[in-house]
Amino acid sequence: MVMIGMIFSIMLFFTIVHLEQARIRQEFLGDAATSALVLSTTAKQYEHDVEVIHAFFTASNKDVSRGEFSAFVRLHMKRAVSTPGVQALMWAPVVSDEHRAAFEQSMAREGFARFQILERNAQGVLVPASKRREYVVASYNEPFETTSGGVGFDLTSEPTRRAALEQARDSGEATATAPTRLVVGDEPGFLIFWPIYQRGGAINTVATRRTSITGYVIGMFRFRDLVETAVQVSDLRDLNIYLFDEGLAEDAPPFYIHSAFSLNGPLDPNDVTLTQLLKQNPYSSRISMAGRNWRLIIIPSASYEASRLDSIPWIALLIGMISTFAIAYAMAHQQHA
């Protein structure tokens, strides 16, 4: 009798544990789906922010001045204040090497003393750009107060940016860069380029788009703000979030990790691969934006699961054991009597 009762109690314990684990798993999947939805929606809003500036340039029947750009972008950013992580919205004209000196002089006349087109050297320091056939120069940056350090940077000087610029130019569509480090703030982030062509020009082929390109409207965004937006709710703060770029090699490390708040320190991106994480049965989804696909992986931390466990399985086990021994004792006492 005692053995049967103990077996029943243990079976009941593991049954309840299994049900608890299933409940926590469903709660995790719901929380992860909420985070993924916020991430995806915010990323799409980033693309829309650049689209608004693109429409402004396209609708203008003349060149957009610095003052007009500033007024329009500031009004838009004020209305879009709920979209976090927008570090800058910019205009960058294409400047041929033949017109480099004249362009630098025109920028100096606008108040940028000793203006030069710039690039980053191997140490990450901004230096005068090397001679090349043409440049794509960040010229209008808003908000100017926090992004003026990026004015003059040649976006073609860095391979990741150049690849996205060429794709945007040839396709005529918005194109996001692979993950990169931003010039302003030197933080992990990405840019979205949307090409602007000569008014009235034929742009129905790649060749005509290449000859008609005049510049790009650009959005510059931080990953930190994008991801932290998705975990502002306390229930989501103990999730480990990994972002992988599907355009890179399969064994490439995540380009951004949000470590659960309960961890003592940040997770090392070089310690994990996508293949390893998929073996842990995570939440997985794809975020698509401006021609770029990211793989989102979310895994609950140990504290996420521990905080959701309750004592019901142990109470059931204790009650079962006590009942078993009580019944056994009563039966033995009755037989003895």
C-alpha atoms as a PDB file:
ATOM      1  CA  MET A   1       0.000   0.000   0.000  1.00  0.00           C
ATOM      2  CA  VAL A   2       2.776   2.450   0.920  1.00  0.00           C
ATOM      3  CA  MET A   3       4.655   1.642  -2.287  1.00  0.00           C
ATOM      4  CA  ILE A   4       1.550   2.180  -4.432  1.00  0.00           C
ATOM      5  CA  GLY A   5       0.831   5.493  -2.725  1.00  0.00           C
ATOM      6  CA  MET A   6       4.397   6.705  -3.172  1.00  0.00           C
ATOM      7  CA  ILE A   7       4.396   5.755  -6.853  1.00  0.00           C
ATOM      8  CA  PHE A   8       1.070   7.536  -7.357  1.00  0.00           C
ATOM      9  CA  SER A   9       2.354  10.663  -5.543  1.00  0.00           C
ATOM     10  CA  ILE A  10       5.529  10.764  -7.618  1.00  0.00           C
ATOM     11  CA  MET A  11       3.573  10.279 -10.841  1.00  0.00           C
ATOM     12  CA  LEU A  12       1.238  13.093  -9.819  1.00  0.00           C
ATOM     13  CA  PHE A  13       4.255  15.296  -9.020  1.00  0.00           C
ATOM     14  CA  PHE A  14       5.821  14.830 -12.446  1.00  0.00           C
ATOM     15  CA  THR A  15       2.463  15.249 -14.186  1.00  0.00           C
ATOM     16  CA  ILE A  16       1.958  18.624 -12.511  1.00  0.00           C
ATOM     17  CA  VAL A  17       5.580  19.617 -13.245  1.00  0.00           C
ATOM     18  CA  HIS A  18       5.018  18.780 -16.902  1.00  0.00           C
ATOM     19  CA  LEU A  19       1.833  20.870 -16.966  1.00  0.00           C
ATOM     20  CA  GLU A  20       3.671  23.743 -15.275  1.00  0.00           C
ATOM     21  CA  GLN A  21       6.476  23.571 -17.833  1.00  0.00           C
ATOM     22  CA  ALA A  22       3.942  23.558 -20.653  1.00  0.00           C
ATOM     23  CA  ARG A  23       2.221  26.606 -19.137  1.00  0.00           C
ATOM     24  CA  ILE A  24       5.521  28.479 -18.797  1.00  0.00           C
ATOM     25  CA  ARG A  25       6.443  27.537 -22.369  1.00  0.00           C
ATOM     26  CA  GLN A  26       3.180  28.975 -23.679  1.00  0.00           C
ATOM     27  CA  GLU A  27       3.655  32.118 -21.610  1.00  0.00           C
ATOM     28  CA  PHE A  28       7.196  32.466 -22.984  1.00  0.00           C
ATOM     29  CA  LEU A  29       6.023  32.040 -26.577  1.00  0.00           C
ATOM     30  CA  GLY A  30       3.420  34.736 -26.003  1.00  0.00           C
ATOM     31  CA  ASP A  31       5.959  37.125 -24.485  1.00  0.00           C
ATOM     32  CA  ALA A  32       8.455  36.397 -27.260  1.00  0.00           C
ATOM     33  CA  ALA A  33       5.803  36.963 -29.940  1.00  0.00           C
ATOM     34  CA  THR A  34       4.975  40.308 -28.331  1.00  0.00           C
ATOM     35  CA  SER A  35       8.646  41.323 -28.426  1.00  0.00           C
ATOM     36  CA  ALA A  36       8.956  40.193 -32.035  1.00  0.00           C
ATOM     37  CA  LEU A  37       5.881  42.186 -33.043  1.00  0.00           C
ATOM     38  CA  VAL A  38       7.241  45.341 -31.418  1.00  0.00           C
ATOM     39  CA  LEU A  39      10.626  44.842 -33.113  1.00  0.00           C
ATOM     40  CA  SER A  40       9.077  44.250 -36.524  1.00  0.00           C
ATOM     41  CA  THR A  41       6.658  47.167 -36.225  1.00  0.00           C
ATOM     42  CA  THR A  42       9.404  49.553 -35.125  1.00  0.00           C
ATOM     43  CA  ALA A  43      11.698  48.444 -37.960  1.00  0.00           C
ATOM     44  CA  LYS A  44       8.907  49.066 -40.471  1.00  0.00           C
ATOM     45  CA  GLN A  45       8.363  52.488 -38.947  1.00  0.00           C
ATOM     46  CA  TYR A  46      12.037  53.246 -39.546  1.00  0.00           C
ATOM     47  CA  GLU A  47      11.548  52.459 -43.231  1.00  0.00           C
ATOM     48  CA  HIS A  48       8.453  54.668 -43.269  1.00  0.00           C
ATOM     49  CA  ASP A  49      10.404  57.551 -41.719  1.00  0.00           C
ATOM     50  CA  VAL A  50      12.824  57.468 -44.661  1.00  0.00           C
ATOM     51  CA  GLU A  51       9.944  57.041 -47.112  1.00  0.00           C
ATOM     52  CA  VAL A  52       8.394  60.287 -45.848  1.00  0.00           C
ATOM     53  CA  ILE A  53      11.625  62.203 -46.575  1.00  0.00           C
ATOM     54  CA  HIS A  54      11.879  60.498 -49.967  1.00  0.00           C
ATOM     55  CA  ALA A  55       8.341  61.632 -50.831  1.00  0.00           C
ATOM     56  CA  PHE A  56       9.218  65.178 -49.781  1.00  0.00           C
ATOM     57  CA  PHE A  57      12.182  65.272 -52.183  1.00  0.00           C
ATOM     58  CA  THR A  58      10.267  63.572 -54.988  1.00  0.00           C
ATOM     59  CA  ALA A  59       7.330  65.988 -54.718  1.00  0.00           C
ATOM     60  CA  SER A  60       9.536  69.084 -54.691  1.00  0.00           C
ATOM     61  CA  ASN A  61       9.801  70.850 -58.048  1.00  0.00           C
ATOM     62  CA  LYS A  62      13.189  72.325 -57.123  1.00  0.00           C
ATOM     63  CA  ASP A  63      16.273  71.439 -55.134  1.00  0.00           C
ATOM     64  CA  VAL A  64      15.488  71.166 -51.429  1.00  0.00           C
ATOM     65  CA  SER A  65      17.435  73.697 -49.408  1.00  0.00           C
ATOM     66  CA  ARG A  66      19.083  73.002 -46.067  1.00  0.00           C
ATOM     67  CA  GLY A  67      16.511  75.168 -44.294  1.00  0.00           C
ATOM     68  CA  GLU A  68      13.579  73.410 -45.968  1.00  0.00           C
ATOM     69  CA  PHE A  69      15.027  70.005 -45.135  1.00  0.00           C
ATOM     70  CA  SER A  70      15.607  70.984 -41.519  1.00  0.00           C
ATOM     71  CA  ALA A  71      12.104  72.387 -41.065  1.00  0.00           C
ATOM     72  CA  PHE A  72      10.410  69.374 -42.649  1.00  0.00           C
ATOM     73  CA  VAL A  73      12.470  66.726 -40.858  1.00  0.00           C
ATOM     74  CA  ARG A  74      12.164  68.394 -37.453  1.00  0.00           C
ATOM     75  CA  LEU A  75       8.386  68.570 -37.855  1.00  0.00           C
ATOM     76  CA  HIS A  76       8.271  64.911 -38.892  1.00  0.00           C
ATOM     77  CA  MET A  77      10.519  63.764 -36.045  1.00  0.00           C
ATOM     78  CA  LYS A  78       8.400  65.713 -33.588  1.00  0.00           C
ATOM     79  CA  ARG A  79       5.297  63.902 -34.834  1.00  0.00           C
ATOM     80  CA  ALA A  80       7.144  60.557 -34.889  1.00  0.00           C
ATOM     81  CA  VAL A  81       8.582  61.000 -31.410  1.00  0.00           C
ATOM     82  CA  SER A  82       7.190  57.601 -30.419  1.00  0.00           C
ATOM     83  CA  THR A  83       9.599  55.879 -32.832  1.00  0.00           C
ATOM     84  CA  PRO A  84      12.772  55.283 -30.807  1.00  0.00           C
ATOM     85  CA  GLY A  85      16.255  54.791 -32.187  1.00  0.00           C
ATOM     86  CA  VAL A  86      16.054  57.298 -35.056  1.00  0.00           C
ATOM     87  CA  GLN A  87      19.489  58.797 -34.695  1.00  0.00           C
ATOM     88  CA  ALA A  88      19.425  60.891 -37.857  1.00  0.00           C
ATOM     89  CA  LEU A  89      17.604  61.589 -41.107  1.00  0.00           C
ATOM     90  CA  MET A  90      19.907  62.859 -43.834  1.00  0.00           C
ATOM     91  CA  TRP A  91      20.373  63.980 -47.417  1.00  0.00           C
ATOM     92  CA  ALA A  92      23.567  62.910 -49.188  1.00  0.00           C
ATOM     93  CA  PRO A  93      24.192  64.106 -52.768  1.00  0.00           C
ATOM     94  CA  VAL A  94      26.376  62.262 -55.260  1.00  0.00           C
ATOM     95  CA  VAL A  95      29.486  64.370 -55.899  1.00  0.00           C
ATOM     96  CA  SER A  96      31.844  63.545 -58.757  1.00  0.00           C
ATOM     97  CA  ASP A  97      35.556  63.894 -58.174  1.00  0.00           C
ATOM     98  CA  GLU A  98      35.553  66.596 -60.841  1.00  0.00           C
ATOM     99  CA  HIS A  99      33.213  68.700 -58.704  1.00  0.00           C
ATOM    100  CA  ARG A 100      34.740  67.827 -55.315  1.00  0.00           C
ATOM    101  CA  ALA A 101      36.573  71.123 -54.819  1.00  0.00           C
ATOM    102  CA  ALA A 102      33.548  73.188 -55.814  1.00  0.00           C
ATOM    103  CA  PHE A 103      31.307  71.180 -53.476  1.00  0.00           C
ATOM    104  CA  GLU A 104      33.693  71.616 -50.545  1.00  0.00           C
ATOM    105  CA  GLN A 105      33.823  75.347 -51.209  1.00  0.00           C
ATOM    106  CA  SER A 106      30.015  75.602 -51.348  1.00  0.00           C
ATOM    107  CA  MET A 107      29.741  73.823 -48.011  1.00  0.00           C
ATOM    108  CA  ALA A 108      32.318  76.210 -46.533  1.00  0.00           C
ATOM    109  CA  ARG A 109      30.206  79.162 -47.718  1.00  0.00           C
ATOM    110  CA  GLU A 110      27.234  77.654 -45.873  1.00  0.00           C
ATOM    111  CA  GLY A 111      29.165  77.960 -42.630  1.00  0.00           C
ATOM    112  CA  PHE A 112      31.171  74.717 -42.454  1.00  0.00           C
ATOM    113  CA  ALA A 113      34.604  76.253 -42.100  1.00  0.00           C
ATOM    114  CA  ARG A 114      37.488  74.289 -43.698  1.00  0.00           C
ATOM    115  CA  PHE A 115      34.976  71.713 -44.915  1.00  0.00           C
ATOM    116  CA  GLN A 116      36.363  68.527 -46.449  1.00  0.00           C
ATOM    117  CA  ILE A 117      34.846  65.272 -47.646  1.00  0.00           C
ATOM    118  CA  LEU A 118      35.861  62.682 -45.061  1.00  0.00           C
ATOM    119  CA  GLU A 119      36.378  58.972 -44.513  1.00  0.00           C
ATOM    120  CA  ARG A 120      37.492  56.855 -41.581  1.00  0.00           C
ATOM    121  CA  ASN A 121      41.018  55.480 -41.500  1.00  0.00           C
ATOM    122  CA  ALA A 122      42.021  52.111 -40.054  1.00  0.00           C
ATOM    123  CA  GLN A 123      41.972  53.588 -36.535  1.00  0.00           C
ATOM    124  CA  GLY A 124      38.431  54.919 -37.004  1.00  0.00           C
ATOM    125  CA  VAL A 125      39.552  58.556 -37.176  1.00  0.00           C
ATOM    126  CA  LEU A 126      37.883  60.875 -39.714  1.00  0.00           C
ATOM    127  CA  VAL A 127      40.410  62.038 -42.317  1.00  0.00           C
ATOM    128  CA  PRO A 128      40.147  63.638 -45.793  1.00  0.00           C
ATOM    129  CA  ALA A 129      38.641  61.121 -48.211  1.00  0.00           C
ATOM    130  CA  SER A 130      40.883  59.372 -50.706  1.00  0.00           C
ATOM    131  CA  LYS A 131      40.445  60.263 -54.355  1.00  0.00           C
ATOM    132  CA  ARG A 132      37.715  58.221 -56.075  1.00  0.00           C
ATOM    133  CA  ARG A 133      35.408  58.609 -59.051  1.00  0.00           C
ATOM    134  CA  GLU A 134      32.491  59.883 -56.984  1.00  0.00           C
ATOM    135  CA  TYR A 135      31.417  60.407 -53.408  1.00  0.00           C
ATOM    136  CA  VAL A 136      28.093  60.236 -51.561  1.00  0.00           C
ATOM    137  CA  VAL A 137      28.445  62.920 -48.925  1.00  0.00           C
ATOM    138  CA  ALA A 138      26.302  63.371 -45.811  1.00  0.00           C
ATOM    139  CA  SER A 139      25.303  67.025 -46.184  1.00  0.00           C
ATOM    140  CA  TYR A 140      21.982  67.636 -44.422  1.00  0.00           C
ATOM    141  CA  ASN A 141      21.838  65.926 -41.027  1.00  0.00           C
ATOM    142  CA  GLU A 142      18.949  66.256 -38.596  1.00  0.00           C
ATOM    143  CA  PRO A 143      18.801  66.678 -35.695  1.00  0.00           C
ATOM    144  CA  PHE A 144      21.897  68.731 -36.449  1.00  0.00           C
ATOM    145  CA  GLU A 145      22.821  69.344 -32.805  1.00  0.00           C
ATOM    146  CA  THR A 146      23.583  65.669 -32.162  1.00  0.00           C
ATOM    147  CA  THR A 147      24.710  64.507 -35.615  1.00  0.00           C
ATOM    148  CA  SER A 148      26.788  67.380 -36.989  1.00  0.00           C
ATOM    149  CA  GLY A 149      29.912  65.252 -36.524  1.00  0.00           C
ATOM    150  CA  GLY A 150      28.772  63.104 -39.432  1.00  0.00           C
ATOM    151  CA  VAL A 151      28.469  65.960 -41.934  1.00  0.00           C
ATOM    152  CA  GLY A 152      30.977  65.473 -44.736  1.00  0.00           C
ATOM    153  CA  PHE A 153      31.355  61.714 -44.343  1.00  0.00           C
ATOM    154  CA  ASP A 154      31.637  59.881 -47.673  1.00  0.00           C
ATOM    155  CA  LEU A 155      29.301  56.908 -47.450  1.00  0.00           C
ATOM    156  CA  THR A 156      31.014  55.131 -50.346  1.00  0.00           C
ATOM    157  CA  SER A 157      34.268  54.961 -48.365  1.00  0.00           C
ATOM    158  CA  GLU A 158      33.079  51.972 -46.333  1.00  0.00           C
ATOM    159  CA  PRO A 159      32.231  48.629 -48.038  1.00  0.00           C
ATOM    160  CA  THR A 160      29.030  47.855 -46.093  1.00  0.00           C
ATOM    161  CA  ARG A 161      27.519  51.251 -46.879  1.00  0.00           C
ATOM    162  CA  ARG A 162      28.770  51.235 -50.467  1.00  0.00           C
ATOM    163  CA  ALA A 163      27.151  47.849 -51.189  1.00  0.00           C
ATOM    164  CA  ALA A 164      23.759  49.087 -49.946  1.00  0.00           C
ATOM    165  CA  LEU A 165      24.097  52.372 -51.870  1.00  0.00           C
ATOM    166  CA  GLU A 166      24.743  50.517 -55.105  1.00  0.00           C
ATOM    167  CA  GLN A 167      21.833  48.157 -54.520  1.00  0.00           C
ATOM    168  CA  ALA A 168      19.493  51.067 -53.785  1.00  0.00           C
ATOM    169  CA  ARG A 169      20.694  52.974 -56.860  1.00  0.00           C
ATOM    170  CA  ASP A 170      20.289  50.009 -59.212  1.00  0.00           C
ATOM    171  CA  SER A 171      16.922  48.851 -57.828  1.00  0.00           C
ATOM    172  CA  GLY A 172      15.343  52.230 -57.193  1.00  0.00           C
ATOM    173  CA  GLU A 173      14.104  50.942 -53.845  1.00  0.00           C
ATOM    174  CA  ALA A 174      14.868  51.466 -50.181  1.00  0.00           C
ATOM    175  CA  THR A 175      17.822  49.362 -49.088  1.00  0.00           C
ATOM    176  CA  ALA A 176      19.108  48.700 -45.584  1.00  0.00           C
ATOM    177  CA  THR A 177      22.779  48.134 -44.886  1.00  0.00           C
ATOM    178  CA  ALA A 178      24.182  45.107 -43.162  1.00  0.00           C
ATOM    179  CA  PRO A 179      24.901  45.780 -39.469  1.00  0.00           C
ATOM    180  CA  THR A 180      27.641  48.364 -39.083  1.00  0.00           C
ATOM    181  CA  ARG A 181      29.051  50.872 -36.625  1.00  0.00           C
ATOM    182  CA  LEU A 182      27.589  54.346 -36.912  1.00  0.00           C
ATOM    183  CA  VAL A 183      29.881  57.315 -37.484  1.00  0.00           C
ATOM    184  CA  VAL A 184      27.981  59.351 -34.909  1.00  0.00           C
ATOM    185  CA  GLY A 185      28.328  57.714 -31.504  1.00  0.00           C
ATOM    186  CA  ASP A 186      30.266  54.707 -32.826  1.00  0.00           C
ATOM    187  CA  GLU A 187      27.384  52.395 -31.868  1.00  0.00           C
ATOM    188  CA  PRO A 188      26.058  49.265 -33.600  1.00  0.00           C
ATOM    189  CA  GLY A 189      23.337  50.207 -36.034  1.00  0.00           C
ATOM    190  CA  PHE A 190      22.255  50.314 -39.651  1.00  0.00           C
ATOM    191  CA  LEU A 191      21.235  52.775 -42.343  1.00  0.00           C
ATOM    192  CA  ILE A 192      18.425  52.829 -44.884  1.00  0.00           C
ATOM    193  CA  PHE A 193      19.147  54.430 -48.274  1.00  0.00           C
ATOM    194  CA  TRP A 194      16.439  55.614 -50.662  1.00  0.00           C
ATOM    195  CA  PRO A 195      17.697  56.914 -54.028  1.00  0.00           C
ATOM    196  CA  ILE A 196      16.720  60.238 -55.593  1.00  0.00           C
ATOM    197  CA  TYR A 197      17.019  60.625 -59.372  1.00  0.00           C
ATOM    198  CA  GLN A 198      17.018  63.559 -61.770  1.00  0.00           C
ATOM    199  CA  ARG A 199      13.530  64.976 -62.285  1.00  0.00           C
ATOM    200  CA  GLY A 200      11.882  63.806 -65.467  1.00  0.00           C
ATOM    201  CA  GLY A 201      14.660  61.397 -66.316  1.00  0.00           C
ATOM    202  CA  ALA A 202      14.061  57.856 -67.531  1.00  0.00           C
ATOM    203  CA  ILE A 203      14.845  55.394 -64.758  1.00  0.00           C
ATOM    204  CA  ASN A 204      13.300  52.218 -66.149  1.00  0.00           C
ATOM    205  CA  THR A 205      16.616  50.361 -66.482  1.00  0.00           C
ATOM    206  CA  VAL A 206      19.656  49.869 -64.292  1.00  0.00           C
ATOM    207  CA  ALA A 207      21.797  51.808 -66.769  1.00  0.00           C
ATOM    208  CA  THR A 208      19.496  54.864 -66.743  1.00  0.00           C
ATOM    209  CA  ARG A 209      19.192  54.751 -62.965  1.00  0.00           C
ATOM    210  CA  ARG A 210      22.978  54.811 -62.672  1.00  0.00           C
ATOM    211  CA  THR A 211      23.292  57.879 -64.883  1.00  0.00           C
ATOM    212  CA  SER A 212      20.301  59.682 -63.298  1.00  0.00           C
ATOM    213  CA  ILE A 213      21.174  59.253 -59.610  1.00  0.00           C
ATOM    214  CA  THR A 214      21.567  62.581 -57.786  1.00  0.00           C
ATOM    215  CA  GLY A 215      21.691  61.473 -54.157  1.00  0.00           C
ATOM    216  CA  TYR A 216      20.032  59.576 -51.344  1.00  0.00           C
ATOM    217  CA  VAL A 217      17.747  60.289 -48.421  1.00  0.00           C
ATOM    218  CA  ILE A 218      18.988  58.294 -45.462  1.00  0.00           C
ATOM    219  CA  GLY A 219      17.891  57.103 -42.065  1.00  0.00           C
ATOM    220  CA  MET A 220      20.434  56.166 -39.416  1.00  0.00           C
ATOM    221  CA  PHE A 221      19.267  53.905 -36.588  1.00  0.00           C
ATOM    222  CA  ARG A 222      20.653  52.317 -33.411  1.00  0.00           C
ATOM    223  CA  PHE A 223      20.079  48.639 -32.606  1.00  0.00           C
ATOM    224  CA  ARG A 224      20.187  49.363 -28.884  1.00  0.00           C
ATOM    225  CA  ASP A 225      17.071  51.507 -28.987  1.00  0.00           C
ATOM    226  CA  LEU A 226      15.285  49.185 -31.383  1.00  0.00           C
ATOM    227  CA  VAL A 227      15.708  46.129 -29.149  1.00  0.00           C
ATOM    228  CA  GLU A 228      15.191  47.860 -25.821  1.00  0.00           C
ATOM    229  CA  THR A 229      11.840  49.118 -27.073  1.00  0.00           C
ATOM    230  CA  ALA A 230      10.693  45.515 -27.266  1.00  0.00           C
ATOM    231  CA  VAL A 231      11.563  44.704 -23.644  1.00  0.00           C
ATOM    232  CA  GLN A 232      10.292  47.766 -21.824  1.00  0.00           C
ATOM    233  CA  VAL A 233       7.516  45.747 -20.166  1.00  0.00           C
ATOM    234  CA  SER A 234       8.853  44.129 -17.000  1.00  0.00           C
ATOM    235  CA  ASP A 235       7.598  40.673 -18.026  1.00  0.00           C
ATOM    236  CA  LEU A 236       9.921  40.755 -21.041  1.00  0.00           C
ATOM    237  CA  ARG A 237      13.085  42.012 -19.378  1.00  0.00           C
ATOM    238  CA  ASP A 238      14.412  38.516 -18.613  1.00  0.00           C
ATOM    239  CA  LEU A 239      14.547  37.348 -22.221  1.00  0.00           C
ATOM    240  CA  ASN A 240      17.815  36.848 -24.091  1.00  0.00           C
ATOM    241  CA  ILE A 241      17.367  38.307 -27.584  1.00  0.00           C
ATOM    242  CA  TYR A 242      19.715  37.558 -30.480  1.00  0.00           C
ATOM    243  CA  LEU A 243      19.686  39.162 -33.933  1.00  0.00           C
ATOM    244  CA  PHE A 244      21.394  37.518 -36.912  1.00  0.00           C
ATOM    245  CA  ASP A 245      21.765  38.955 -40.408  1.00  0.00           C
ATOM    246  CA  GLU A 246      20.582  36.368 -42.941  1.00  0.00           C
ATOM    247  CA  GLY A 247      22.736  38.021 -45.584  1.00  0.00           C
ATOM    248  CA  LEU A 248      25.901  36.932 -43.779  1.00  0.00           C
ATOM    249  CA  ALA A 249      27.493  33.493 -43.431  1.00  0.00           C
ATOM    250  CA  GLU A 250      25.507  30.867 -41.503  1.00  0.00           C
ATOM    251  CA  ASP A 251      28.191  30.585 -38.826  1.00  0.00           C
ATOM    252  CA  ALA A 252      28.420  34.354 -38.356  1.00  0.00           C
ATOM    253  CA  PRO A 253      27.858  35.482 -34.746  1.00  0.00           C
ATOM    254  CA  PRO A 254      24.795  37.532 -33.836  1.00  0.00           C
ATOM    255  CA  PHE A 255      25.248  41.180 -34.685  1.00  0.00           C
ATOM    256  CA  TYR A 256      23.348  42.256 -31.596  1.00  0.00           C
ATOM    257  CA  ILE A 257      22.444  40.632 -28.268  1.00  0.00           C
ATOM    258  CA  HIS A 258      20.131  41.894 -25.568  1.00  0.00           C
ATOM    259  CA  SER A 259      21.111  40.111 -22.370  1.00  0.00           C
ATOM    260  CA  ALA A 260      18.442  39.375 -19.771  1.00  0.00           C
ATOM    261  CA  PHE A 261      18.488  41.908 -16.936  1.00  0.00           C
ATOM    262  CA  SER A 262      18.976  39.161 -14.362  1.00  0.00           C
ATOM    263  CA  LEU A 263      22.372  38.188 -15.784  1.00  0.00           C
ATOM    264  CA  ASN A 264      25.500  39.486 -14.073  1.00  0.00           C
ATOM    265  CA  GLY A 265      27.010  40.677 -17.344  1.00  0.00           C
ATOM    266  CA  PRO A 266      26.395  40.833 -21.092  1.00  0.00           C
ATOM    267  CA  LEU A 267      26.459  37.699 -23.202  1.00  0.00           C
ATOM    268  CA  ASP A 268      29.408  37.304 -25.573  1.00  0.00           C
ATOM    269  CA  PRO A 269      28.270  37.209 -29.235  1.00  0.00           C
ATOM    270  CA  ASN A 270      31.322  35.141 -30.142  1.00  0.00           C
ATOM    271  CA  ASP A 271      30.189  32.304 -27.847  1.00  0.00           C
ATOM    272  CA  VAL A 272      27.107  31.344 -29.871  1.00  0.00           C
ATOM    273  CA  THR A 273      26.006  30.555 -33.399  1.00  0.00           C
ATOM    274  CA  LEU A 274      22.543  30.348 -34.898  1.00  0.00           C
ATOM    275  CA  THR A 275      22.848  26.563 -35.195  1.00  0.00           C
ATOM    276  CA  GLN A 276      23.651  26.225 -31.500  1.00  0.00           C
ATOM    277  CA  LEU A 277      20.740  28.409 -30.434  1.00  0.00           C
ATOM    278  CA  LEU A 278      18.222  26.578 -32.615  1.00  0.00           C
ATOM    279  CA  LYS A 279      18.997  23.396 -30.680  1.00  0.00           C
ATOM    280  CA  GLN A 280      17.623  25.071 -27.524  1.00  0.00           C
ATOM    281  CA  ASN A 281      14.074  25.201 -28.904  1.00  0.00           C
ATOM    282  CA  PRO A 282      13.893  29.012 -28.934  1.00  0.00           C
ATOM    283  CA  TYR A 283      11.303  31.375 -30.323  1.00  0.00           C
ATOM    284  CA  SER A 284      12.399  32.191 -33.863  1.00  0.00           C
ATOM    285  CA  SER A 285      11.050  34.599 -36.460  1.00  0.00           C
ATOM    286  CA  ARG A 286      12.185  36.735 -39.378  1.00  0.00           C
ATOM    287  CA  ILE A 287      12.177  40.519 -39.524  1.00  0.00           C
ATOM    288  CA  SER A 288      12.150  41.904 -43.075  1.00  0.00           C
ATOM    289  CA  MET A 289      12.843  45.548 -43.787  1.00  0.00           C
ATOM    290  CA  ALA A 290      14.121  47.510 -46.799  1.00  0.00           C
ATOM    291  CA  GLY A 291      15.439  44.445 -48.584  1.00  0.00           C
ATOM    292  CA  ARG A 292      17.187  43.031 -45.519  1.00  0.00           C
ATOM    293  CA  ASN A 293      16.220  39.959 -43.497  1.00  0.00           C
ATOM    294  CA  TRP A 294      17.155  39.431 -39.858  1.00  0.00           C
ATOM    295  CA  ARG A 295      16.689  36.234 -37.890  1.00  0.00           C
ATOM    296  CA  LEU A 296      15.325  36.909 -34.420  1.00  0.00           C
ATOM    297  CA  ILE A 297      16.043  34.328 -31.727  1.00  0.00           C
ATOM    298  CA  ILE A 298      14.586  34.662 -28.220  1.00  0.00           C
ATOM    299  CA  ILE A 299      15.481  32.364 -25.325  1.00  0.00           C
ATOM    300  CA  PRO A 300      14.175  32.648 -21.753  1.00  0.00           C
ATOM    301  CA  SER A 301      16.740  33.141 -19.027  1.00  0.00           C
ATOM    302  CA  ALA A 302      16.887  30.798 -16.030  1.00  0.00           C
ATOM    303  CA  SER A 303      15.310  33.460 -13.833  1.00  0.00           C
ATOM    304  CA  TYR A 304      12.438  33.927 -16.304  1.00  0.00           C
ATOM    305  CA  GLU A 305      11.454  30.300 -15.836  1.00  0.00           C
ATOM    306  CA  ALA A 306      12.248  30.175 -12.099  1.00  0.00           C
ATOM    307  CA  SER A 307      10.079  33.213 -11.367  1.00  0.00           C
ATOM    308  CA  ARG A 308       7.104  31.507 -12.980  1.00  0.00           C
ATOM    309  CA  LEU A 309       7.380  28.175 -11.169  1.00  0.00           C
ATOM    310  CA  ASP A 310       5.076  27.761  -8.202  1.00  0.00           C
ATOM    311  CA  SER A 311       4.987  25.286  -5.324  1.00  0.00           C
ATOM    312  CA  ILE A 312       1.946  23.297  -6.438  1.00  0.00           C
ATOM    313  CA  PRO A 313       3.919  20.206  -7.590  1.00  0.00           C
ATOM    314  CA  TRP A 314       5.773  20.048  -4.260  1.00  0.00           C
ATOM    315  CA  ILE A 315       2.597  20.609  -2.270  1.00  0.00           C
ATOM    316  CA  ALA A 316       0.898  17.823  -4.220  1.00  0.00           C
ATOM    317  CA  LEU A 317       3.850  15.520  -3.575  1.00  0.00           C
ATOM    318  CA  LEU A 318       3.883  16.363   0.135  1.00  0.00           C
ATOM    319  CA  ILE A 319       0.124  15.837   0.491  1.00  0.00           C
ATOM    320  CA  GLY A 320       0.367  12.552  -1.407  1.00  0.00           C
ATOM    321  CA  MET A 321       3.192  11.284   0.795  1.00  0.00           C
ATOM    322  CA  ILE A 322       1.485  12.361   4.022  1.00  0.00           C
ATOM    323  CA  SER A 323      -1.816  10.811   2.914  1.00  0.00           C
ATOM    324  CA  THR A 324      -0.078   7.585   1.933  1.00  0.00           C
ATOM    325  CA  PHE A 325       1.657   7.220   5.268  1.00  0.00           C
ATOM    326  CA  ALA A 326      -1.462   8.287   7.176  1.00  0.00           C
ATOM    327  CA  ILE A 327      -3.604   5.707   5.421  1.00  0.00           C
ATOM    328  CA  ALA A 328      -0.927   3.042   5.849  1.00  0.00           C
ATOM    329  CA  TYR A 329      -0.621   3.867   9.538  1.00  0.00           C
ATOM    330  CA  ALA A 330      -4.395   3.772  10.020  1.00  0.00           C
ATOM    331  CA  MET A 331      -4.690   0.427   8.257  1.00  0.00           C
ATOM    332  CA  ALA A 332      -1.823  -1.052  10.258  1.00  0.00           C
ATOM    333  CA  HIS A 333      -3.332   0.237  13.496  1.00  0.00           C
ATOM    334  CA  GLN A 334      -6.728  -1.226  12.563  1.00  0.00           C
ATOM    335  CA  GLN A 335      -5.211  -4.614  11.772  1.00  0.00           C
ATOM    336  CA  HIS A 336      -3.312  -4.571  15.058  1.00  0.00           C
ATOM    337  CA  ALA A 337      -6.503  -3.788  16.945  1.00  0.00           C
END
